C-alpha atoms as a PDB file:
ATOM      1  CA  UNK A   1      11.467   3.967  24.257  1.00  0.00           C
ATOM      2  CA  UNK A   2      11.996   0.292  23.622  1.00  0.00           C
ATOM      3  CA  UNK A   3       8.245  -0.270  23.180  1.00  0.00           C
ATOM      4  CA  UNK A   4       7.854   2.317  20.423  1.00  0.00           C
ATOM      5  CA  UNK A   5       8.171   0.887  16.912  1.00  0.00           C
ATOM      6  CA  UNK A   6       6.806   2.013  13.546  1.00  0.00           C
ATOM      7  CA  UNK A   7       3.188   1.002  13.037  1.00  0.00           C
ATOM      8  CA  UNK A   8       2.986  -1.409  10.148  1.00  0.00           C
ATOM      9  CA  UNK A   9       0.025  -3.658   9.396  1.00  0.00           C
ATOM     10  CA  UNK A  10       1.501  -6.644  11.270  1.00  0.00           C
ATOM     11  CA  UNK A  11       2.067  -4.563  14.393  1.00  0.00           C
ATOM     12  CA  UNK A  12      -1.457  -3.110  14.266  1.00  0.00           C
ATOM     13  CA  UNK A  13      -2.942  -6.596  13.854  1.00  0.00           C
ATOM     14  CA  UNK A  14      -0.868  -7.868  16.777  1.00  0.00           C
ATOM     15  CA  UNK A  15      -1.889  -5.043  19.116  1.00  0.00           C
ATOM     16  CA  UNK A  16      -5.551  -4.706  18.136  1.00  0.00           C
ATOM     17  CA  UNK A  17      -5.988  -8.479  17.897  1.00  0.00           C
ATOM     18  CA  UNK A  18      -5.332  -8.937  21.629  1.00  0.00           C
ATOM     19  CA  UNK A  19      -8.983  -9.329  22.540  1.00  0.00           C
ATOM     20  CA  UNK A  20      -8.689 -12.477  24.656  1.00  0.00           C
ATOM     21  CA  UNK A  21     -10.866 -11.364  27.593  1.00  0.00           C
ATOM     22  CA  UNK A  22     -13.612  -9.954  25.372  1.00  0.00           C
ATOM     23  CA  UNK A  23     -16.275 -11.537  23.206  1.00  0.00           C
ATOM     24  CA  UNK A  24     -14.741  -9.972  20.091  1.00  0.00           C
ATOM     25  CA  UNK A  25     -12.089 -11.073  17.616  1.00  0.00           C
ATOM     26  CA  UNK A  26     -10.218  -9.067  15.001  1.00  0.00           C
ATOM     27  CA  UNK A  27     -11.377  -9.892  11.496  1.00  0.00           C
ATOM     28  CA  UNK A  28      -9.851  -7.961   8.623  1.00  0.00           C
ATOM     29  CA  UNK A  29      -7.648  -4.964   9.385  1.00  0.00           C
ATOM     30  CA  UNK A  30      -6.960  -2.399   6.662  1.00  0.00           C
ATOM     31  CA  UNK A  31      -4.031  -0.075   7.355  1.00  0.00           C
ATOM     32  CA  UNK A  32      -4.664   3.420   5.967  1.00  0.00           C
ATOM     33  CA  UNK A  33      -1.482   4.908   7.478  1.00  0.00           C
ATOM     34  CA  UNK A  34       0.768   6.363   4.797  1.00  0.00           C
ATOM     35  CA  UNK A  35       3.689   7.380   7.017  1.00  0.00           C
ATOM     36  CA  UNK A  36       5.866   5.665   9.602  1.00  0.00           C
ATOM     37  CA  UNK A  37       3.751   6.679  12.574  1.00  0.00           C
ATOM     38  CA  UNK A  38       5.081   5.660  15.971  1.00  0.00           C
ATOM     39  CA  UNK A  39       2.994   5.257  19.132  1.00  0.00           C
ATOM     40  CA  UNK A  40       3.829   3.673  22.490  1.00  0.00           C
ATOM     41  CA  UNK A  41       2.285   0.266  23.174  1.00  0.00           C
ATOM     42  CA  UNK A  42       0.372   1.845  26.082  1.00  0.00           C
ATOM     43  CA  UNK A  43      -1.433   4.174  23.653  1.00  0.00           C
ATOM     44  CA  UNK A  44      -2.296   1.291  21.311  1.00  0.00           C
ATOM     45  CA  UNK A  45      -3.659  -0.640  24.297  1.00  0.00           C
ATOM     46  CA  UNK A  46      -5.722   2.392  25.366  1.00  0.00           C
ATOM     47  CA  UNK A  47      -7.136   2.667  21.833  1.00  0.00           C
ATOM     48  CA  UNK A  48      -8.002  -1.049  21.785  1.00  0.00           C
ATOM     49  CA  UNK A  49      -9.802  -0.785  25.143  1.00  0.00           C
ATOM     50  CA  UNK A  50     -11.776   2.252  23.916  1.00  0.00           C
ATOM     51  CA  UNK A  51     -12.763   0.386  20.747  1.00  0.00           C
ATOM     52  CA  UNK A  52     -14.027  -2.541  22.850  1.00  0.00           C
ATOM     53  CA  UNK A  53     -16.061  -0.156  25.063  1.00  0.00           C
ATOM     54  CA  UNK A  54     -17.659   1.408  21.972  1.00  0.00           C
ATOM     55  CA  UNK A  55     -18.406  -2.005  20.440  1.00  0.00           C
ATOM     56  CA  UNK A  56     -20.001  -3.200  23.700  1.00  0.00           C
ATOM     57  CA  UNK A  57     -22.156  -0.056  23.816  1.00  0.00           C
ATOM     58  CA  UNK A  58     -23.277  -0.625  20.228  1.00  0.00           C
ATOM     59  CA  UNK A  59     -24.026  -4.272  20.968  1.00  0.00           C
ATOM     60  CA  UNK A  60     -26.194  -3.326  23.973  1.00  0.00           C
ATOM     61  CA  UNK A  61     -28.394  -1.000  21.905  1.00  0.00           C
ATOM     62  CA  UNK A  62     -31.699  -2.350  20.599  1.00  0.00           C
ATOM     63  CA  UNK A  63     -31.308  -3.858  17.165  1.00  0.00           C
ATOM     64  CA  UNK A  64     -32.846  -1.835  14.370  1.00  0.00           C
ATOM     65  CA  UNK A  65     -33.348  -3.293  10.940  1.00  0.00           C
ATOM     66  CA  UNK A  66     -31.338  -6.270   9.807  1.00  0.00           C
ATOM     67  CA  UNK A  67     -27.894  -7.400  10.852  1.00  0.00           C
ATOM     68  CA  UNK A  68     -25.137  -7.087   8.281  1.00  0.00           C
ATOM     69  CA  UNK A  69     -22.063  -9.281   8.411  1.00  0.00           C
ATOM     70  CA  UNK A  70     -20.025  -7.055   6.086  1.00  0.00           C
ATOM     71  CA  UNK A  71     -19.809  -3.996   8.368  1.00  0.00           C
ATOM     72  CA  UNK A  72     -16.297  -2.578   8.751  1.00  0.00           C
ATOM     73  CA  UNK A  73     -14.897  -0.714  11.749  1.00  0.00           C
ATOM     74  CA  UNK A  74     -14.949   2.426   9.577  1.00  0.00           C
ATOM     75  CA  UNK A  75     -18.742   2.110   9.482  1.00  0.00           C
ATOM     76  CA  UNK A  76     -18.796   2.301  13.286  1.00  0.00           C
ATOM     77  CA  UNK A  77     -16.855   5.567  13.478  1.00  0.00           C
ATOM     78  CA  UNK A  78     -18.709   8.877  13.609  1.00  0.00           C
ATOM     79  CA  UNK A  79     -18.779  10.781  10.344  1.00  0.00           C
ATOM     80  CA  UNK A  80     -16.171  13.554  10.160  1.00  0.00           C
ATOM     81  CA  UNK A  81     -18.458  15.857   8.185  1.00  0.00           C
ATOM     82  CA  UNK A  82     -21.453  17.519   9.836  1.00  0.00           C
ATOM     83  CA  UNK A  83     -23.594  16.852   6.766  1.00  0.00           C
ATOM     84  CA  UNK A  84     -24.733  20.410   6.126  1.00  0.00           C
END
């Protein structure tokens, strides 16, 4: 398990910032992890690829309203509450 190290902010920025073959770049990353979580690099890479797929799908949708430059990744995630 040489590729499994604790996920600190630097490591998350390094892994999720590898967007070289995409039209995206990592802006600000906020680490909300409160424990020493460990994941293999392959899982981090899978997560990054899935994020890019979701961003590309959002980008391909017709634009509604105005564009905001201060949107965070958290804003792009589905809400965890059903809103009842």
